[in-house]
């Protein structure tokens, strides 16, 4: 029972620590509406958001890398989402899976080509 309570507390902390931010990758991809979801049990889940192609050209490949941090800001792990063929002005709803409890998340890199 105690283990379940601790997992639930970590899950709530993980959700509360994610804030909406806007990031540009090479002036072409804008991220918004970032939030975390933790599945029942408090360990697995995902970080999702919307990536918008703000350029005038198609993005052939896009990768969003997110660092998962503990309360001290130390990196515990990473997760990522990849997309392809994102047209100009198109919105991509991405999901990056999480497989461990974490306190905060931060976008580490957005790569486009």
PDB file of N, CA and C in Angstrom:
ATOM      1  N   UNK A   1       0.827  -1.195   0.000  1.00  0.00           N
ATOM      2  CA  UNK A   1       0.000   0.000   0.000  1.00  0.00           C
ATOM      3  C   UNK A   1       0.868   1.253   0.000  1.00  0.00           C
ATOM      4  N   UNK A   2       1.927   1.259   0.800  1.00  0.00           N
ATOM      5  CA  UNK A   2       2.799   2.421   0.881  1.00  0.00           C
ATOM      6  C   UNK A   2       3.476   2.683  -0.463  1.00  0.00           C
ATOM      7  N   UNK A   3       3.867   1.606  -1.157  1.00  0.00           N
ATOM      8  CA  UNK A   3       4.521   1.737  -2.457  1.00  0.00           C
ATOM      9  C   UNK A   3       3.578   2.390  -3.466  1.00  0.00           C
ATOM     10  N   UNK A   4       2.314   2.025  -3.448  1.00  0.00           N
ATOM     11  CA  UNK A   4       1.323   2.611  -4.351  1.00  0.00           C
ATOM     12  C   UNK A   4       1.147   4.092  -4.042  1.00  0.00           C
ATOM     13  N   UNK A   5       1.111   4.463  -2.766  1.00  0.00           N
ATOM     14  CA  UNK A   5       0.950   5.858  -2.375  1.00  0.00           C
ATOM     15  C   UNK A   5       2.127   6.692  -2.867  1.00  0.00           C
ATOM     16  N   UNK A   6       3.347   6.188  -2.722  1.00  0.00           N
ATOM     17  CA  UNK A   6       4.535   6.909  -3.184  1.00  0.00           C
ATOM     18  C   UNK A   6       4.488   7.069  -4.697  1.00  0.00           C
ATOM     19  N   UNK A   7       4.109   6.018  -5.424  1.00  0.00           N
ATOM     20  CA  UNK A   7       4.003   6.105  -6.881  1.00  0.00           C
ATOM     21  C   UNK A   7       2.970   7.139  -7.292  1.00  0.00           C
ATOM     22  N   UNK A   8       1.852   7.174  -6.603  1.00  0.00           N
ATOM     23  CA  UNK A   8       0.815   8.153  -6.932  1.00  0.00           C
ATOM     24  C   UNK A   8       1.310   9.569  -6.662  1.00  0.00           C
ATOM     25  N   UNK A   9       2.039   9.761  -5.567  1.00  0.00           N
ATOM     26  CA  UNK A   9       2.581  11.087  -5.257  1.00  0.00           C
ATOM     27  C   UNK A   9       3.573  11.528  -6.323  1.00  0.00           C
ATOM     28  N   UNK A  10       4.417  10.609  -6.778  1.00  0.00           N
ATOM     29  CA  UNK A  10       5.367  10.943  -7.845  1.00  0.00           C
ATOM     30  C   UNK A  10       4.632  11.277  -9.134  1.00  0.00           C
ATOM     31  N   UNK A  11       3.571  10.559  -9.414  1.00  0.00           N
ATOM     32  CA  UNK A  11       2.799  10.826 -10.631  1.00  0.00           C
ATOM     33  C   UNK A  11       2.199  12.224 -10.593  1.00  0.00           C
ATOM     34  N   UNK A  12       1.642  12.599  -9.466  1.00  0.00           N
ATOM     35  CA  UNK A  12       1.056  13.930  -9.334  1.00  0.00           C
ATOM     36  C   UNK A  12       2.130  14.996  -9.464  1.00  0.00           C
ATOM     37  N   UNK A  13       3.286  14.778  -8.849  1.00  0.00           N
ATOM     38  CA  UNK A  13       4.388  15.738  -8.955  1.00  0.00           C
ATOM     39  C   UNK A  13       4.851  15.871 -10.397  1.00  0.00           C
ATOM     40  N   UNK A  14       4.905  14.764 -11.117  1.00  0.00           N
ATOM     41  CA  UNK A  14       5.332  14.803 -12.516  1.00  0.00           C
ATOM     42  C   UNK A  14       4.378  15.625 -13.359  1.00  0.00           C
ATOM     43  N   UNK A  15       3.097  15.445 -13.165  1.00  0.00           N
ATOM     44  CA  UNK A  15       2.108  16.191 -13.935  1.00  0.00           C
ATOM     45  C   UNK A  15       2.183  17.675 -13.594  1.00  0.00           C
ATOM     46  N   UNK A  16       2.324  17.997 -12.313  1.00  0.00           N
ATOM     47  CA  UNK A  16       2.317  19.390 -11.882  1.00  0.00           C
ATOM     48  C   UNK A  16       3.547  20.157 -12.343  1.00  0.00           C
ATOM     49  N   UNK A  17       4.638  19.469 -12.633  1.00  0.00           N
ATOM     50  CA  UNK A  17       5.880  20.163 -12.947  1.00  0.00           C
ATOM     51  C   UNK A  17       5.996  20.589 -14.397  1.00  0.00           C
ATOM     52  N   UNK A  18       5.133  20.101 -15.261  1.00  0.00           N
ATOM     53  CA  UNK A  18       5.239  20.422 -16.680  1.00  0.00           C
ATOM     54  C   UNK A  18       4.463  21.701 -16.957  1.00  0.00           C
ATOM     55  N   UNK A  19       5.135  22.654 -17.596  1.00  0.00           N
ATOM     56  CA  UNK A  19       4.484  23.904 -17.935  1.00  0.00           C
ATOM     57  C   UNK A  19       4.456  24.073 -19.437  1.00  0.00           C
ATOM     58  N   UNK A  20       3.531  24.854 -19.924  1.00  0.00           N
ATOM     59  CA  UNK A  20       3.467  25.126 -21.358  1.00  0.00           C
ATOM     60  C   UNK A  20       4.606  26.056 -21.740  1.00  0.00           C
ATOM     61  N   UNK A  21       5.330  25.686 -22.778  1.00  0.00           N
ATOM     62  CA  UNK A  21       6.430  26.500 -23.269  1.00  0.00           C
ATOM     63  C   UNK A  21       6.376  26.552 -24.782  1.00  0.00           C
ATOM     64  N   UNK A  22       7.090  27.486 -25.337  1.00  0.00           N
ATOM     65  CA  UNK A  22       7.176  27.611 -26.782  1.00  0.00           C
ATOM     66  C   UNK A  22       8.643  27.519 -27.163  1.00  0.00           C
ATOM     67  N   UNK A  23       8.941  26.658 -28.117  1.00  0.00           N
ATOM     68  CA  UNK A  23      10.314  26.436 -28.557  1.00  0.00           C
ATOM     69  C   UNK A  23      10.354  26.499 -30.072  1.00  0.00           C
ATOM     70  N   UNK A  24      11.388  27.118 -30.621  1.00  0.00           N
ATOM     71  CA  UNK A  24      11.584  27.126 -32.068  1.00  0.00           C
ATOM     72  C   UNK A  24      12.811  26.297 -32.399  1.00  0.00           C
ATOM     73  N   UNK A  25      12.724  25.481 -33.412  1.00  0.00           N
ATOM     74  CA  UNK A  25      13.868  24.720 -33.911  1.00  0.00           C
ATOM     75  C   UNK A  25      14.235  25.283 -35.265  1.00  0.00           C
ATOM     76  N   UNK A  26      15.359  25.933 -35.336  1.00  0.00           N
ATOM     77  CA  UNK A  26      15.843  26.500 -36.591  1.00  0.00           C
ATOM     78  C   UNK A  26      14.774  27.375 -37.237  1.00  0.00           C
ATOM     79  N   UNK A  27      13.910  28.000 -36.420  1.00  0.00           N
ATOM     80  CA  UNK A  27      12.872  28.871 -36.929  1.00  0.00           C
ATOM     81  C   UNK A  27      11.769  28.160 -37.688  1.00  0.00           C
ATOM     82  N   UNK A  28      11.645  26.839 -37.542  1.00  0.00           N
ATOM     83  CA  UNK A  28      10.676  26.105 -38.351  1.00  0.00           C
ATOM     84  C   UNK A  28       9.600  25.363 -37.567  1.00  0.00           C
ATOM     85  N   UNK A  29       9.868  24.976 -36.340  1.00  0.00           N
ATOM     86  CA  UNK A  29       8.914  24.164 -35.584  1.00  0.00           C
ATOM     87  C   UNK A  29       8.653  24.828 -34.240  1.00  0.00           C
ATOM     88  N   UNK A  30       7.387  25.100 -33.950  1.00  0.00           N
ATOM     89  CA  UNK A  30       7.001  25.732 -32.697  1.00  0.00           C
ATOM     90  C   UNK A  30       6.244  24.720 -31.848  1.00  0.00           C
ATOM     91  N   UNK A  31       6.648  24.574 -30.570  1.00  0.00           N
ATOM     92  CA  UNK A  31       5.986  23.647 -29.650  1.00  0.00           C
ATOM     93  C   UNK A  31       5.076  24.417 -28.717  1.00  0.00           C
ATOM     94  N   UNK A  32       3.915  23.844 -28.432  1.00  0.00           N
ATOM     95  CA  UNK A  32       2.984  24.455 -27.493  1.00  0.00           C
ATOM     96  C   UNK A  32       2.159  23.363 -26.819  1.00  0.00           C
ATOM     97  N   UNK A  33       1.405  23.761 -25.800  1.00  0.00           N
ATOM     98  CA  UNK A  33       0.475  22.878 -25.098  1.00  0.00           C
ATOM     99  C   UNK A  33       1.148  21.612 -24.566  1.00  0.00           C
ATOM    100  N   UNK A  34       2.373  21.753 -24.033  1.00  0.00           N
ATOM    101  CA  UNK A  34       3.078  20.592 -23.476  1.00  0.00           C
ATOM    102  C   UNK A  34       2.471  20.209 -22.132  1.00  0.00           C
ATOM    103  N   UNK A  35       2.222  18.922 -21.951  1.00  0.00           N
ATOM    104  CA  UNK A  35       1.748  18.428 -20.661  1.00  0.00           C
ATOM    105  C   UNK A  35       2.080  16.944 -20.521  1.00  0.00           C
ATOM    106  N   UNK A  36       2.135  16.501 -19.282  1.00  0.00           N
ATOM    107  CA  UNK A  36       2.451  15.108 -18.992  1.00  0.00           C
ATOM    108  C   UNK A  36       1.238  14.367 -18.469  1.00  0.00           C
ATOM    109  N   UNK A  37       1.169  13.101 -18.822  1.00  0.00           N
ATOM    110  CA  UNK A  37       0.104  12.220 -18.346  1.00  0.00           C
ATOM    111  C   UNK A  37       0.778  10.986 -17.775  1.00  0.00           C
ATOM    112  N   UNK A  38       0.395  10.606 -16.563  1.00  0.00           N
ATOM    113  CA  UNK A  38       0.946   9.414 -15.929  1.00  0.00           C
ATOM    114  C   UNK A  38      -0.176   8.395 -15.796  1.00  0.00           C
ATOM    115  N   UNK A  39       0.080   7.188 -16.281  1.00  0.00           N
ATOM    116  CA  UNK A  39      -0.911   6.120 -16.214  1.00  0.00           C
ATOM    117  C   UNK A  39      -1.110   5.660 -14.772  1.00  0.00           C
ATOM    118  N   UNK A  40      -2.244   5.017 -14.463  1.00  0.00           N
ATOM    119  CA  UNK A  40      -2.449   4.476 -13.121  1.00  0.00           C
ATOM    120  C   UNK A  40      -1.266   3.589 -12.728  1.00  0.00           C
ATOM    121  N   UNK A  41      -0.802   3.734 -11.520  1.00  0.00           N
ATOM    122  CA  UNK A  41       0.381   3.009 -11.066  1.00  0.00           C
ATOM    123  C   UNK A  41       1.563   3.948 -10.916  1.00  0.00           C
ATOM    124  N   UNK A  42       1.516   5.103 -11.595  1.00  0.00           N
ATOM    125  CA  UNK A  42       2.500   6.147 -11.380  1.00  0.00           C
ATOM    126  C   UNK A  42       3.847   5.989 -12.029  1.00  0.00           C
ATOM    127  N   UNK A  43       4.029   5.058 -12.954  1.00  0.00           N
ATOM    128  CA  UNK A  43       5.352   4.868 -13.551  1.00  0.00           C
ATOM    129  C   UNK A  43       5.351   5.245 -15.025  1.00  0.00           C
ATOM    130  N   UNK A  44       4.499   4.637 -15.820  1.00  0.00           N
ATOM    131  CA  UNK A  44       4.493   4.901 -17.260  1.00  0.00           C
ATOM    132  C   UNK A  44       3.521   6.029 -17.603  1.00  0.00           C
ATOM    133  N   UNK A  45       3.690   6.571 -18.780  1.00  0.00           N
ATOM    134  CA  UNK A  45       2.817   7.638 -19.250  1.00  0.00           C
ATOM    135  C   UNK A  45       3.397   8.246 -20.507  1.00  0.00           C
ATOM    136  N   UNK A  46       3.157   9.536 -20.700  1.00  0.00           N
ATOM    137  CA  UNK A  46       3.695  10.209 -21.875  1.00  0.00           C
ATOM    138  C   UNK A  46       3.686  11.715 -21.655  1.00  0.00           C
ATOM    139  N   UNK A  47       4.479  12.398 -22.465  1.00  0.00           N
ATOM    140  CA  UNK A  47       4.472  13.849 -22.547  1.00  0.00           C
ATOM    141  C   UNK A  47       3.961  14.172 -23.942  1.00  0.00           C
ATOM    142  N   UNK A  48       2.974  15.029 -24.019  1.00  0.00           N
ATOM    143  CA  UNK A  48       2.403  15.352 -25.324  1.00  0.00           C
ATOM    144  C   UNK A  48       2.385  16.856 -25.537  1.00  0.00           C
ATOM    145  N   UNK A  49       2.145  17.232 -26.765  1.00  0.00           N
ATOM    146  CA  UNK A  49       2.063  18.638 -27.118  1.00  0.00           C
ATOM    147  C   UNK A  49       1.721  18.791 -28.580  1.00  0.00           C
ATOM    148  N   UNK A  50       1.779  20.024 -29.034  1.00  0.00           N
ATOM    149  CA  UNK A  50       1.510  20.332 -30.433  1.00  0.00           C
ATOM    150  C   UNK A  50       2.751  20.982 -31.021  1.00  0.00           C
ATOM    151  N   UNK A  51       3.207  20.467 -32.159  1.00  0.00           N
ATOM    152  CA  UNK A  51       4.327  21.049 -32.898  1.00  0.00           C
ATOM    153  C   UNK A  51       3.753  21.614 -34.192  1.00  0.00           C
ATOM    154  N   UNK A  52       4.027  22.884 -34.449  1.00  0.00           N
ATOM    155  CA  UNK A  52       3.494  23.552 -35.632  1.00  0.00           C
ATOM    156  C   UNK A  52       4.632  23.945 -36.558  1.00  0.00           C
ATOM    157  N   UNK A  53       4.512  23.587 -37.817  1.00  0.00           N
ATOM    158  CA  UNK A  53       5.497  23.972 -38.828  1.00  0.00           C
ATOM    159  C   UNK A  53       5.242  25.434 -39.177  1.00  0.00           C
ATOM    160  N   UNK A  54       6.137  26.322 -38.731  1.00  0.00           N
ATOM    161  CA  UNK A  54       5.978  27.755 -38.968  1.00  0.00           C
ATOM    162  C   UNK A  54       6.777  28.230 -40.178  1.00  0.00           C
ATOM    163  N   UNK A  55       7.390  27.306 -40.891  1.00  0.00           N
ATOM    164  CA  UNK A  55       8.179  27.678 -42.067  1.00  0.00           C
ATOM    165  C   UNK A  55       7.308  27.639 -43.321  1.00  0.00           C
ATOM    166  N   UNK A  56       7.882  28.016 -44.415  1.00  0.00           N
ATOM    167  CA  UNK A  56       7.178  27.960 -45.685  1.00  0.00           C
ATOM    168  C   UNK A  56       7.465  26.693 -46.462  1.00  0.00           C
ATOM    169  N   UNK A  57       8.158  25.739 -45.822  1.00  0.00           N
ATOM    170  CA  UNK A  57       8.539  24.498 -46.508  1.00  0.00           C
ATOM    171  C   UNK A  57       8.142  23.286 -45.675  1.00  0.00           C
ATOM    172  N   UNK A  58       8.013  22.162 -46.336  1.00  0.00           N
ATOM    173  CA  UNK A  58       7.702  20.906 -45.658  1.00  0.00           C
ATOM    174  C   UNK A  58       8.901  20.476 -44.812  1.00  0.00           C
ATOM    175  N   UNK A  59       8.619  19.942 -43.621  1.00  0.00           N
ATOM    176  CA  UNK A  59       9.654  19.348 -42.769  1.00  0.00           C
ATOM    177  C   UNK A  59       9.604  17.850 -43.022  1.00  0.00           C
ATOM    178  N   UNK A  60      10.683  17.312 -43.581  1.00  0.00           N
ATOM    179  CA  UNK A  60      10.716  15.886 -43.904  1.00  0.00           C
ATOM    180  C   UNK A  60      10.786  15.025 -42.647  1.00  0.00           C
ATOM    181  N   UNK A  61      11.646  15.399 -41.696  1.00  0.00           N
ATOM    182  CA  UNK A  61      11.819  14.648 -40.449  1.00  0.00           C
ATOM    183  C   UNK A  61      11.904  15.623 -39.281  1.00  0.00           C
ATOM    184  N   UNK A  62      11.276  15.283 -38.162  1.00  0.00           N
ATOM    185  CA  UNK A  62      11.357  16.088 -36.942  1.00  0.00           C
ATOM    186  C   UNK A  62      11.497  15.156 -35.750  1.00  0.00           C
ATOM    187  N   UNK A  63      12.382  15.524 -34.831  1.00  0.00           N
ATOM    188  CA  UNK A  63      12.554  14.770 -33.591  1.00  0.00           C
ATOM    189  C   UNK A  63      12.565  15.749 -32.425  1.00  0.00           C
ATOM    190  N   UNK A  64      11.737  15.472 -31.425  1.00  0.00           N
ATOM    191  CA  UNK A  64      11.679  16.268 -30.204  1.00  0.00           C
ATOM    192  C   UNK A  64      12.228  15.401 -29.083  1.00  0.00           C
ATOM    193  N   UNK A  65      13.287  15.867 -28.414  1.00  0.00           N
ATOM    194  CA  UNK A  65      13.908  15.131 -27.310  1.00  0.00           C
ATOM    195  C   UNK A  65      13.625  15.879 -26.011  1.00  0.00           C
ATOM    196  N   UNK A  66      13.168  15.148 -25.001  1.00  0.00           N
ATOM    197  CA  UNK A  66      12.776  15.729 -23.716  1.00  0.00           C
ATOM    198  C   UNK A  66      13.556  15.040 -22.603  1.00  0.00           C
ATOM    199  N   UNK A  67      14.208  15.840 -21.743  1.00  0.00           N
ATOM    200  CA  UNK A  67      14.908  15.296 -20.578  1.00  0.00           C
ATOM    201  C   UNK A  67      13.929  15.160 -19.417  1.00  0.00           C
ATOM    202  N   UNK A  68      14.032  14.056 -18.695  1.00  0.00           N
ATOM    203  CA  UNK A  68      13.240  13.803 -17.490  1.00  0.00           C
ATOM    204  C   UNK A  68      14.158  14.036 -16.299  1.00  0.00           C
ATOM    205  N   UNK A  69      13.760  14.915 -15.378  1.00  0.00           N
ATOM    206  CA  UNK A  69      14.618  15.352 -14.279  1.00  0.00           C
ATOM    207  C   UNK A  69      14.045  14.968 -12.920  1.00  0.00           C
ATOM    208  N   UNK A  70      14.947  14.824 -11.940  1.00  0.00           N
ATOM    209  CA  UNK A  70      14.493  14.647 -10.562  1.00  0.00           C
ATOM    210  C   UNK A  70      14.306  16.024  -9.930  1.00  0.00           C
ATOM    211  N   UNK A  71      13.973  16.073  -8.649  1.00  0.00           N
ATOM    212  CA  UNK A  71      13.699  17.337  -7.966  1.00  0.00           C
ATOM    213  C   UNK A  71      14.923  18.244  -7.893  1.00  0.00           C
ATOM    214  N   UNK A  72      16.122  17.676  -7.992  1.00  0.00           N
ATOM    215  CA  UNK A  72      17.359  18.473  -7.958  1.00  0.00           C
ATOM    216  C   UNK A  72      17.789  18.938  -9.347  1.00  0.00           C
ATOM    217  N   UNK A  73      17.004  18.615 -10.361  1.00  0.00           N
ATOM    218  CA  UNK A  73      17.336  19.024 -11.720  1.00  0.00           C
ATOM    219  C   UNK A  73      18.307  18.100 -12.424  1.00  0.00           C
ATOM    220  N   UNK A  74      18.561  16.936 -11.851  1.00  0.00           N
ATOM    221  CA  UNK A  74      19.465  15.961 -12.469  1.00  0.00           C
ATOM    222  C   UNK A  74      18.690  15.135 -13.495  1.00  0.00           C
ATOM    223  N   UNK A  75      19.341  14.833 -14.615  1.00  0.00           N
ATOM    224  CA  UNK A  75      18.693  14.059 -15.669  1.00  0.00           C
ATOM    225  C   UNK A  75      18.591  12.594 -15.256  1.00  0.00           C
ATOM    226  N   UNK A  76      17.367  12.079 -15.250  1.00  0.00           N
ATOM    227  CA  UNK A  76      17.120  10.668 -14.945  1.00  0.00           C
ATOM    228  C   UNK A  76      17.049   9.837 -16.219  1.00  0.00           C
ATOM    229  N   UNK A  77      16.613  10.463 -17.306  1.00  0.00           N
ATOM    230  CA  UNK A  77      16.458   9.777 -18.579  1.00  0.00           C
ATOM    231  C   UNK A  77      15.927  10.739 -19.617  1.00  0.00           C
ATOM    232  N   UNK A  78      15.680  10.220 -20.790  1.00  0.00           N
ATOM    233  CA  UNK A  78      15.135  11.036 -21.873  1.00  0.00           C
ATOM    234  C   UNK A  78      14.006  10.285 -22.561  1.00  0.00           C
ATOM    235  N   UNK A  79      13.221  11.023 -23.292  1.00  0.00           N
ATOM    236  CA  UNK A  79      12.193  10.453 -24.146  1.00  0.00           C
ATOM    237  C   UNK A  79      12.143  11.287 -25.412  1.00  0.00           C
ATOM    238  N   UNK A  80      11.563  10.743 -26.453  1.00  0.00           N
ATOM    239  CA  UNK A  80      11.494  11.508 -27.700  1.00  0.00           C
ATOM    240  C   UNK A  80      10.282  11.104 -28.522  1.00  0.00           C
ATOM    241  N   UNK A  81       9.954  11.982 -29.455  1.00  0.00           N
ATOM    242  CA  UNK A  81       8.893  11.727 -30.429  1.00  0.00           C
ATOM    243  C   UNK A  81       9.431  12.121 -31.793  1.00  0.00           C
ATOM    244  N   UNK A  82       9.075  11.349 -32.811  1.00  0.00           N
ATOM    245  CA  UNK A  82       9.521  11.630 -34.177  1.00  0.00           C
ATOM    246  C   UNK A  82       8.322  11.743 -35.099  1.00  0.00           C
ATOM    247  N   UNK A  83       8.412  12.692 -36.026  1.00  0.00           N
ATOM    248  CA  UNK A  83       7.355  12.891 -37.007  1.00  0.00           C
ATOM    249  C   UNK A  83       7.956  13.083 -38.384  1.00  0.00           C
ATOM    250  N   UNK A  84       7.137  12.979 -39.401  1.00  0.00           N
ATOM    251  CA  UNK A  84       7.621  13.105 -40.778  1.00  0.00           C
ATOM    252  C   UNK A  84       6.580  13.796 -41.644  1.00  0.00           C
ATOM    253  N   UNK A  85       7.072  14.424 -42.703  1.00  0.00           N
ATOM    254  CA  UNK A  85       6.225  15.050 -43.729  1.00  0.00           C
ATOM    255  C   UNK A  85       5.227  16.040 -43.130  1.00  0.00           C
ATOM    256  N   UNK A  86       5.740  17.022 -42.381  1.00  0.00           N
ATOM    257  CA  UNK A  86       4.891  18.035 -41.756  1.00  0.00           C
ATOM    258  C   UNK A  86       4.823  19.234 -42.702  1.00  0.00           C
ATOM    259  N   UNK A  87       3.660  19.480 -43.261  1.00  0.00           N
ATOM    260  CA  UNK A  87       3.471  20.544 -44.254  1.00  0.00           C
ATOM    261  C   UNK A  87       3.523  21.926 -43.597  1.00  0.00           C
ATOM    262  N   UNK A  88       3.803  22.974 -44.372  1.00  0.00           N
ATOM    263  CA  UNK A  88       3.790  24.335 -43.826  1.00  0.00           C
ATOM    264  C   UNK A  88       2.443  24.647 -43.165  1.00  0.00           C
ATOM    265  N   UNK A  89       2.494  25.173 -41.948  1.00  0.00           N
ATOM    266  CA  UNK A  89       1.282  25.509 -41.209  1.00  0.00           C
ATOM    267  C   UNK A  89       0.596  24.336 -40.538  1.00  0.00           C
ATOM    268  N   UNK A  90       1.051  23.128 -40.791  1.00  0.00           N
ATOM    269  CA  UNK A  90       0.407  21.934 -40.235  1.00  0.00           C
ATOM    270  C   UNK A  90       0.770  21.754 -38.764  1.00  0.00           C
ATOM    271  N   UNK A  91      -0.197  21.240 -37.993  1.00  0.00           N
ATOM    272  CA  UNK A  91      -0.009  20.938 -36.572  1.00  0.00           C
ATOM    273  C   UNK A  91       0.192  19.435 -36.411  1.00  0.00           C
ATOM    274  N   UNK A  92       1.194  19.063 -35.637  1.00  0.00           N
ATOM    275  CA  UNK A  92       1.476  17.657 -35.343  1.00  0.00           C
ATOM    276  C   UNK A  92       1.272  17.463 -33.849  1.00  0.00           C
ATOM    277  N   UNK A  93       0.332  16.624 -33.470  1.00  0.00           N
ATOM    278  CA  UNK A  93       0.127  16.278 -32.056  1.00  0.00           C
ATOM    279  C   UNK A  93       1.057  15.112 -31.738  1.00  0.00           C
ATOM    280  N   UNK A  94       2.083  15.394 -30.947  1.00  0.00           N
ATOM    281  CA  UNK A  94       3.084  14.369 -30.662  1.00  0.00           C
ATOM    282  C   UNK A  94       2.910  13.807 -29.261  1.00  0.00           C
ATOM    283  N   UNK A  95       3.460  12.597 -29.070  1.00  0.00           N
ATOM    284  CA  UNK A  95       3.479  11.907 -27.775  1.00  0.00           C
ATOM    285  C   UNK A  95       4.835  11.264 -27.595  1.00  0.00           C
ATOM    286  N   UNK A  96       5.486  11.562 -26.481  1.00  0.00           N
ATOM    287  CA  UNK A  96       6.764  10.948 -26.140  1.00  0.00           C
ATOM    288  C   UNK A  96       6.534  10.086 -24.898  1.00  0.00           C
ATOM    289  N   UNK A  97       6.726   8.770 -24.991  1.00  0.00           N
ATOM    290  CA  UNK A  97       6.429   7.879 -23.862  1.00  0.00           C
ATOM    291  C   UNK A  97       7.402   8.066 -22.699  1.00  0.00           C
ATOM    292  N   UNK A  98       6.898   7.902 -21.482  1.00  0.00           N
ATOM    293  CA  UNK A  98       7.750   7.915 -20.285  1.00  0.00           C
ATOM    294  C   UNK A  98       7.629   6.556 -19.603  1.00  0.00           C
ATOM    295  N   UNK A  99       8.747   6.079 -19.073  1.00  0.00           N
ATOM    296  CA  UNK A  99       8.773   4.745 -18.461  1.00  0.00           C
ATOM    297  C   UNK A  99       9.330   4.764 -17.048  1.00  0.00           C
ATOM    298  N   UNK A 100       9.451   5.959 -16.461  1.00  0.00           N
ATOM    299  CA  UNK A 100       9.986   6.072 -15.106  1.00  0.00           C
ATOM    300  C   UNK A 100       9.374   7.289 -14.422  1.00  0.00           C
ATOM    301  N   UNK A 101       9.319   7.281 -13.095  1.00  0.00           N
ATOM    302  CA  UNK A 101       8.850   8.473 -12.387  1.00  0.00           C
ATOM    303  C   UNK A 101       9.868   9.606 -12.553  1.00  0.00           C
ATOM    304  N   UNK A 102       9.394  10.835 -12.619  1.00  0.00           N
ATOM    305  CA  UNK A 102      10.257  12.007 -12.725  1.00  0.00           C
ATOM    306  C   UNK A 102       9.532  13.188 -12.092  1.00  0.00           C
ATOM    307  N   UNK A 103      10.279  14.237 -11.754  1.00  0.00           N
ATOM    308  CA  UNK A 103       9.687  15.412 -11.122  1.00  0.00           C
ATOM    309  C   UNK A 103       9.436  16.553 -12.097  1.00  0.00           C
ATOM    310  N   UNK A 104      10.314  16.690 -13.085  1.00  0.00           N
ATOM    311  CA  UNK A 104      10.209  17.771 -14.059  1.00  0.00           C
ATOM    312  C   UNK A 104      10.589  17.240 -15.426  1.00  0.00           C
ATOM    313  N   UNK A 105      10.180  17.957 -16.452  1.00  0.00           N
ATOM    314  CA  UNK A 105      10.634  17.626 -17.800  1.00  0.00           C
ATOM    315  C   UNK A 105      10.992  18.920 -18.508  1.00  0.00           C
ATOM    316  N   UNK A 106      11.954  18.820 -19.424  1.00  0.00           N
ATOM    317  CA  UNK A 106      12.379  19.991 -20.177  1.00  0.00           C
ATOM    318  C   UNK A 106      12.735  19.553 -21.598  1.00  0.00           C
ATOM    319  N   UNK A 107      12.309  20.344 -22.574  1.00  0.00           N
ATOM    320  CA  UNK A 107      12.667  20.046 -23.961  1.00  0.00           C
ATOM    321  C   UNK A 107      14.162  20.287 -24.106  1.00  0.00           C
ATOM    322  N   UNK A 108      14.887  19.252 -24.494  1.00  0.00           N
ATOM    323  CA  UNK A 108      16.339  19.337 -24.631  1.00  0.00           C
ATOM    324  C   UNK A 108      16.755  19.699 -26.048  1.00  0.00           C
ATOM    325  N   UNK A 109      16.006  19.196 -27.047  1.00  0.00           N
ATOM    326  CA  UNK A 109      16.403  19.430 -28.429  1.00  0.00           C
ATOM    327  C   UNK A 109      15.205  19.236 -29.354  1.00  0.00           C
ATOM    328  N   UNK A 110      15.140  20.087 -30.363  1.00  0.00           N
ATOM    329  CA  UNK A 110      14.167  19.932 -31.438  1.00  0.00           C
ATOM    330  C   UNK A 110      14.973  19.958 -32.723  1.00  0.00           C
ATOM    331  N   UNK A 111      14.928  18.860 -33.462  1.00  0.00           N
ATOM    332  CA  UNK A 111      15.746  18.717 -34.667  1.00  0.00           C
ATOM    333  C   UNK A 111      14.831  18.531 -35.872  1.00  0.00           C
ATOM    334  N   UNK A 112      15.081  19.310 -36.919  1.00  0.00           N
ATOM    335  CA  UNK A 112      14.283  19.187 -38.134  1.00  0.00           C
ATOM    336  C   UNK A 112      15.189  19.079 -39.351  1.00  0.00           C
ATOM    337  N   UNK A 113      14.669  18.439 -40.382  1.00  0.00           N
ATOM    338  CA  UNK A 113      15.396  18.382 -41.660  1.00  0.00           C
ATOM    339  C   UNK A 113      14.406  18.231 -42.802  1.00  0.00           C
TER     340      UNK A 113
END
